[in-house]
Amino acid sequence: MKLLSLIFLFSASLFFSQTNRFIYELNYKVNPGEPQYKKSFMVVDINPENTKYYDYKFLEKDSLNKFHNSRDRSWTSQIPVTREKKSDIFINYVAVGDDIYTYPTSNHIVWKLENDMKILKDFKAQKATADFGGRQWIAWFTKDIPLSEGPYKFHGLPGLILEIKDTKEQYIFNLVKSSNLKSTYDTSNFLEVRYGEKPIPATEKNVVKKALEYFNDPLNDIRKEYINNKISSFEYNGIKYKPEELTKLVAEEQEDILSTYNPIELDKAFPYPKKAK
C-alpha cells in the first residue's frame, strides 16, 4: 500500500470510493522531559458520512479477534475520535481504568495560511499554522488532494494534511500510506462497541471526575476484592503481595500515570497533582 503520488489517479478514484484511508506515522513523547519518542501508526478513514481516527493496532487486533473468535479489549494511549461530515463536533473515546467513555467536544480550528511552499510526497505543499489544544502547530497540506482532513482533530484546510507537528515537537505526524476501500470499513466491533461492551456515554466534566477518582485509588478493585475481605495475600500482575504492600503499589501506579501523561490537548489535560500522594 503506497502513498498515491499521481494526482490524476487519486482524483479518478476519489469520488467513487466509499472510504479514503490515510495512515500517519505518529512520533510522540509520553514524557515531555525525556528525549525518547514513541511511535504509533494512526488511521484516518474518510467515509461518505463521517471521518474516523484511530490506532492501526485496532485493525490488527480486529483481524486477530475475528480469526481466533476472541475479545482482546486492549486499548491505546492515543484518543480515537470520530466526526460527522461538515461538523466541528467530535466524539472522543477515552479509557479510564478498565472503562471506556465517549463524550462530545466542539473543536473549531482557526488556521493561518502561510506563503511557504515545498514538495512533500511528490505533492506541492503549503504551510499553515494554528493554536490548538494549548499547543502551537505547523502543518503542511496539499490542494492537490481536495480533502479538508488530517490526523486527530486537524481539519478545515483547503487540502489534505501531509505533515503536522507542534512547535515543541512532542507530537509529529507524517502521512506514510494511503488506499481506497471499496466499502466503508466496519469499526462497530472495536470502536462504537468494544467487543461486546459499549463505551459509556458521558460528559467531558464527568470523565475528568472519573479520571481523578481512578488516579486517587487506581487499585480500588483489588482493595475491594482482597483487602476488605481480609485476605492474607493478593495477586497483581502475576505476583503475590501482602495487604500492607498495597499502599506502595498505589504510589507506583500513580507515579507511572504521571510519568507517561502528555496529552495532545494540553488545555484539556486531567488535573492530576504534580506529584503522587
Protein backbone atom coordinates (compact mmCIF):
# COMPACT_ATOMS: atom_id res chain seq x y z
CA MET A 1 0.00 0.00 0.00
CA LYS A 2 1.82 3.11 -1.21
CA LEU A 3 1.11 6.78 -0.89
CA LEU A 4 -0.70 7.91 -4.02
CA SER A 5 1.72 10.08 -5.95
CA LEU A 6 -0.22 10.61 -9.17
CA ILE A 7 -2.84 13.33 -8.86
CA PHE A 8 -4.97 12.04 -11.71
CA LEU A 9 -5.02 8.55 -10.19
CA PHE A 10 -6.26 9.91 -6.87
CA SER A 11 -8.80 12.23 -8.47
CA ALA A 12 -10.23 9.49 -10.63
CA SER A 13 -10.95 7.26 -7.65
CA LEU A 14 -11.77 9.89 -5.03
CA PHE A 15 -15.49 10.20 -5.54
CA PHE A 16 -16.09 6.57 -6.47
CA SER A 17 -14.50 5.07 -3.38
CA GLN A 18 -16.53 4.51 -0.24
CA THR A 19 -13.57 5.22 2.01
CA ASN A 20 -10.29 7.02 1.51
CA ARG A 21 -7.87 5.67 4.10
CA PHE A 22 -4.74 7.52 5.14
CA ILE A 23 -2.17 6.21 7.61
CA TYR A 24 0.03 8.60 9.54
CA GLU A 25 3.18 7.75 11.42
CA LEU A 26 2.98 9.44 14.80
CA ASN A 27 6.09 10.05 16.87
CA TYR A 28 5.27 11.45 20.30
CA LYS A 29 6.76 11.90 23.73
CA VAL A 30 4.96 10.19 26.59
CA ASN A 31 7.16 12.25 28.90
CA PRO A 32 7.94 15.77 27.63
CA GLY A 33 11.05 15.90 29.81
CA GLU A 34 12.65 12.88 28.14
CA PRO A 35 14.28 12.80 24.67
CA GLN A 36 12.76 9.45 23.63
CA TYR A 37 9.86 9.20 21.21
CA LYS A 38 7.24 6.51 20.99
CA LYS A 39 5.88 5.52 17.60
CA SER A 40 2.33 4.64 16.56
CA PHE A 41 0.58 4.37 13.24
CA MET A 42 -2.78 6.14 13.15
CA VAL A 43 -5.62 5.58 10.70
CA VAL A 44 -7.83 8.28 9.19
CA ASP A 45 -10.83 6.80 7.39
CA ILE A 46 -12.66 9.43 5.35
CA ASN A 47 -16.09 7.93 4.79
CA PRO A 48 -19.10 9.37 2.91
CA GLU A 49 -20.85 10.28 6.18
CA ASN A 50 -18.00 10.77 8.65
CA THR A 51 -14.29 10.72 9.41
CA LYS A 52 -12.74 8.32 11.92
CA TYR A 53 -9.31 8.48 13.54
CA TYR A 54 -7.95 5.52 15.48
CA ASP A 55 -4.85 3.43 16.16
CA TYR A 56 -3.76 0.99 13.43
CA LYS A 57 -3.40 -1.61 16.20
CA PHE A 58 -7.21 -1.71 16.31
CA LEU A 59 -7.24 -3.07 12.76
CA GLU A 60 -4.63 -5.69 13.65
CA LYS A 61 -6.47 -6.74 16.80
CA ASP A 62 -9.79 -6.80 14.96
CA SER A 63 -8.37 -9.21 12.39
CA LEU A 64 -6.86 -11.46 15.07
CA ASN A 65 -10.02 -11.42 17.16
CA LYS A 66 -12.10 -12.44 14.16
CA PHE A 67 -9.65 -15.21 13.28
CA HIS A 68 -9.45 -16.59 16.83
CA ASN A 69 -13.05 -15.69 17.76
CA SER A 70 -11.68 -13.82 20.78
CA ARG A 71 -12.31 -10.48 22.52
CA ASP A 72 -9.00 -8.77 23.20
CA ARG A 73 -10.04 -5.41 24.69
CA SER A 74 -6.57 -3.81 24.85
CA TRP A 75 -6.72 -0.07 24.28
CA THR A 76 -4.36 2.69 23.15
CA SER A 77 -2.84 5.80 24.68
CA GLN A 78 -3.97 7.81 21.65
CA ILE A 79 -7.58 9.01 21.86
CA PRO A 80 -9.72 7.83 18.92
CA VAL A 81 -12.16 10.42 17.60
CA THR A 82 -14.98 10.50 15.07
CA ARG A 83 -16.72 13.40 13.36
CA GLU A 84 -19.72 13.70 11.10
CA LYS A 85 -19.30 15.45 7.76
CA LYS A 86 -19.46 19.26 7.83
CA SER A 87 -19.31 19.31 11.62
CA ASP A 88 -16.85 20.54 14.22
CA ILE A 89 -18.28 18.21 16.88
CA PHE A 90 -16.02 15.28 17.72
CA ILE A 91 -16.86 12.14 19.66
CA ASN A 92 -13.90 11.27 21.89
CA TYR A 93 -13.20 7.71 23.10
CA VAL A 94 -11.26 7.79 26.38
CA ALA A 95 -10.15 4.92 28.61
CA VAL A 96 -10.18 5.39 32.38
CA GLY A 97 -9.06 2.26 34.17
CA ASP A 98 -10.96 -0.63 32.59
CA ASP A 99 -13.82 1.55 31.36
CA ILE A 100 -14.12 3.41 28.05
CA TYR A 101 -16.14 6.63 27.90
CA THR A 102 -17.41 8.68 24.99
CA TYR A 103 -18.14 12.39 25.11
CA PRO A 104 -18.56 15.18 22.55
CA THR A 105 -16.35 18.25 22.18
CA SER A 106 -16.55 21.20 19.83
CA ASN A 107 -13.24 21.76 18.09
CA HIS A 108 -13.04 24.55 15.52
CA ILE A 109 -9.50 25.33 14.41
CA VAL A 110 -8.59 28.77 13.06
CA TRP A 111 -5.79 28.31 10.54
CA LYS A 112 -3.36 30.92 9.24
CA LEU A 113 -2.18 30.16 5.70
CA GLU A 114 1.49 30.98 5.19
CA ASN A 115 3.34 31.74 1.94
CA ASP A 116 5.93 28.97 2.45
CA MET A 117 5.78 26.12 -0.07
CA LYS A 118 7.71 22.87 -0.52
CA ILE A 119 7.42 19.46 -2.19
CA LEU A 120 6.24 16.62 0.06
CA LYS A 121 5.40 13.08 -1.11
CA ASP A 122 5.61 14.39 -4.71
CA PHE A 123 2.91 16.94 -3.92
CA LYS A 124 3.14 20.72 -3.76
CA ALA A 125 2.56 21.55 -0.10
CA GLN A 126 1.73 24.82 1.63
CA LYS A 127 2.42 25.77 5.23
CA ALA A 128 -0.31 26.63 7.72
CA THR A 129 -0.19 27.41 11.43
CA ALA A 130 -2.72 27.30 14.26
CA ASP A 131 -3.11 27.38 18.02
CA PHE A 132 -4.97 24.31 19.19
CA GLY A 133 -5.23 22.38 22.43
CA GLY A 134 -2.72 24.54 24.28
CA ARG A 135 -0.04 23.99 21.64
CA GLN A 136 1.13 25.82 18.53
CA TRP A 137 1.02 23.72 15.38
CA ILE A 138 2.73 23.80 11.99
CA ALA A 139 1.00 21.93 9.18
CA TRP A 140 1.87 21.22 5.56
CA PHE A 141 -1.10 20.47 3.32
CA THR A 142 -1.68 19.97 -0.38
CA LYS A 143 -4.50 21.32 -2.50
CA ASP A 144 -3.72 18.54 -4.98
CA ILE A 145 -5.72 16.21 -2.74
CA PRO A 146 -9.02 18.09 -2.21
CA LEU A 147 -9.87 16.64 1.19
CA SER A 148 -10.01 19.06 4.15
CA GLU A 149 -8.83 16.41 6.57
CA GLY A 150 -5.83 15.30 8.58
CA PRO A 151 -4.92 13.26 11.67
CA TYR A 152 -6.71 13.55 15.00
CA LYS A 153 -8.94 16.67 15.03
CA PHE A 154 -6.91 18.61 12.48
CA HIS A 155 -9.17 19.54 9.58
CA GLY A 156 -10.52 22.57 7.75
CA LEU A 157 -7.59 23.36 5.47
CA PRO A 158 -8.14 23.56 1.67
CA GLY A 159 -6.46 20.20 1.15
CA LEU A 160 -5.15 17.10 2.87
CA ILE A 161 -2.59 17.50 5.67
CA LEU A 162 0.64 15.69 4.80
CA GLU A 163 2.63 16.65 7.88
CA ILE A 164 1.82 18.38 11.15
CA LYS A 165 3.71 18.89 14.40
CA ASP A 166 3.63 21.12 17.45
CA THR A 167 6.39 23.69 17.81
CA LYS A 168 7.94 21.81 20.74
CA GLU A 169 7.98 18.66 18.59
CA GLN A 170 6.24 16.50 21.16
CA TYR A 171 3.72 15.28 18.57
CA ILE A 172 4.84 14.74 14.97
CA PHE A 173 2.51 13.31 12.29
CA ASN A 174 3.69 12.24 8.83
CA LEU A 175 1.48 10.73 6.14
CA VAL A 176 3.05 7.44 5.05
CA LYS A 177 0.38 5.36 3.30
CA SER A 178 -2.95 5.67 1.53
CA SER A 179 -5.54 3.41 -0.03
CA ASN A 180 -9.05 3.47 -1.41
CA LEU A 181 -11.50 0.99 0.09
CA LYS A 182 -14.43 -0.28 -1.95
CA SER A 183 -16.68 -0.05 1.08
CA THR A 184 -16.68 1.71 4.44
CA TYR A 185 -14.69 -0.30 6.96
CA ASP A 186 -16.88 -1.59 9.78
CA THR A 187 -15.47 -0.32 13.08
CA SER A 188 -18.56 -1.20 15.11
CA ASN A 189 -16.89 -4.15 16.83
CA PHE A 190 -13.82 -2.33 18.14
CA LEU A 191 -14.79 1.34 18.41
CA GLU A 192 -18.51 2.05 18.72
CA VAL A 193 -18.81 -1.24 20.62
CA ARG A 194 -15.67 -2.69 22.18
CA TYR A 195 -16.05 -6.42 21.59
CA GLY A 196 -19.44 -6.72 23.22
CA GLU A 197 -19.14 -3.80 25.64
CA LYS A 198 -20.47 -0.42 24.61
CA PRO A 199 -18.47 2.64 25.73
CA ILE A 200 -20.20 4.64 28.45
CA PRO A 201 -21.74 7.94 27.24
CA ALA A 202 -20.61 10.81 29.44
CA THR A 203 -19.76 14.49 29.56
CA GLU A 204 -16.21 15.78 29.48
CA LYS A 205 -16.62 17.02 33.06
CA ASN A 206 -17.71 13.57 34.22
CA VAL A 207 -14.77 11.87 32.50
CA VAL A 208 -12.37 14.25 34.26
CA LYS A 209 -14.03 13.33 37.56
CA LYS A 210 -13.69 9.61 36.81
CA ALA A 211 -10.02 10.03 35.85
CA LEU A 212 -9.22 11.77 39.14
CA GLU A 213 -11.11 9.12 41.11
CA TYR A 214 -9.13 6.41 39.37
CA PHE A 215 -5.83 8.23 39.97
CA ASN A 216 -6.54 8.61 43.68
CA ASP A 217 -7.22 4.89 44.04
CA PRO A 218 -6.03 3.00 40.93
CA LEU A 219 -6.17 -0.38 42.67
CA ASN A 220 -9.64 0.04 44.07
CA ASP A 221 -10.82 -3.30 42.62
CA ILE A 222 -8.05 -5.13 44.46
CA ARG A 223 -8.86 -3.24 47.64
CA LYS A 224 -12.50 -4.31 47.44
CA GLU A 225 -11.84 -7.90 46.42
CA TYR A 226 -8.94 -8.78 48.70
CA ILE A 227 -8.19 -6.24 51.40
CA ASN A 228 -11.76 -5.61 52.58
CA ASN A 229 -12.28 -9.36 52.77
CA LYS A 230 -9.21 -9.65 54.98
CA ILE A 231 -7.33 -11.94 52.61
CA SER A 232 -3.77 -12.69 53.73
CA SER A 233 -2.32 -12.01 50.26
CA PHE A 234 -3.39 -10.84 46.83
CA GLU A 235 -2.10 -11.22 43.29
CA TYR A 236 -1.26 -8.32 40.98
CA ASN A 237 0.34 -8.69 37.54
CA GLY A 238 1.12 -12.30 38.34
CA ILE A 239 2.92 -11.50 41.62
CA LYS A 240 1.66 -12.15 45.14
CA TYR A 241 1.66 -9.31 47.67
CA LYS A 242 0.72 -8.84 51.29
CA PRO A 243 -2.11 -6.39 52.13
CA GLU A 244 0.33 -3.92 53.70
CA GLU A 245 2.11 -3.61 50.33
CA LEU A 246 -0.95 -2.12 48.65
CA THR A 247 -0.03 1.46 49.60
CA LYS A 248 3.34 1.09 47.87
CA LEU A 249 1.72 -0.35 44.75
CA VAL A 250 -0.79 2.50 44.60
CA ALA A 251 2.04 5.04 44.77
CA GLU A 252 3.89 3.23 41.99
CA GLU A 253 0.79 3.21 39.79
CA GLN A 254 0.24 6.92 40.38
CA GLU A 255 3.86 7.68 39.53
CA ASP A 256 3.55 5.66 36.33
CA ILE A 257 0.44 7.62 35.31
CA LEU A 258 2.20 10.95 35.91
CA SER A 259 5.40 9.95 34.09
CA THR A 260 3.55 8.82 30.95
CA TYR A 261 0.88 11.52 30.69
CA ASN A 262 1.45 14.05 27.93
CA PRO A 263 -1.91 14.53 26.17
CA ILE A 264 -2.05 16.05 22.72
CA GLU A 265 -4.51 18.69 24.02
CA LEU A 266 -2.73 20.23 26.97
CA ASP A 267 -5.61 22.57 27.78
CA LYS A 268 -7.83 19.53 28.35
CA ALA A 269 -5.32 17.57 30.44
CA PHE A 270 -6.67 15.86 33.53
CA PRO A 271 -5.68 18.00 36.56
CA TYR A 272 -3.53 15.37 38.21
CA PRO A 273 -1.34 16.51 41.10
CA LYS A 274 2.25 17.29 40.10
CA LYS A 275 3.49 14.56 42.40
CA ALA A 276 1.82 11.38 43.51
CA LYS A 277 0.46 11.31 47.02
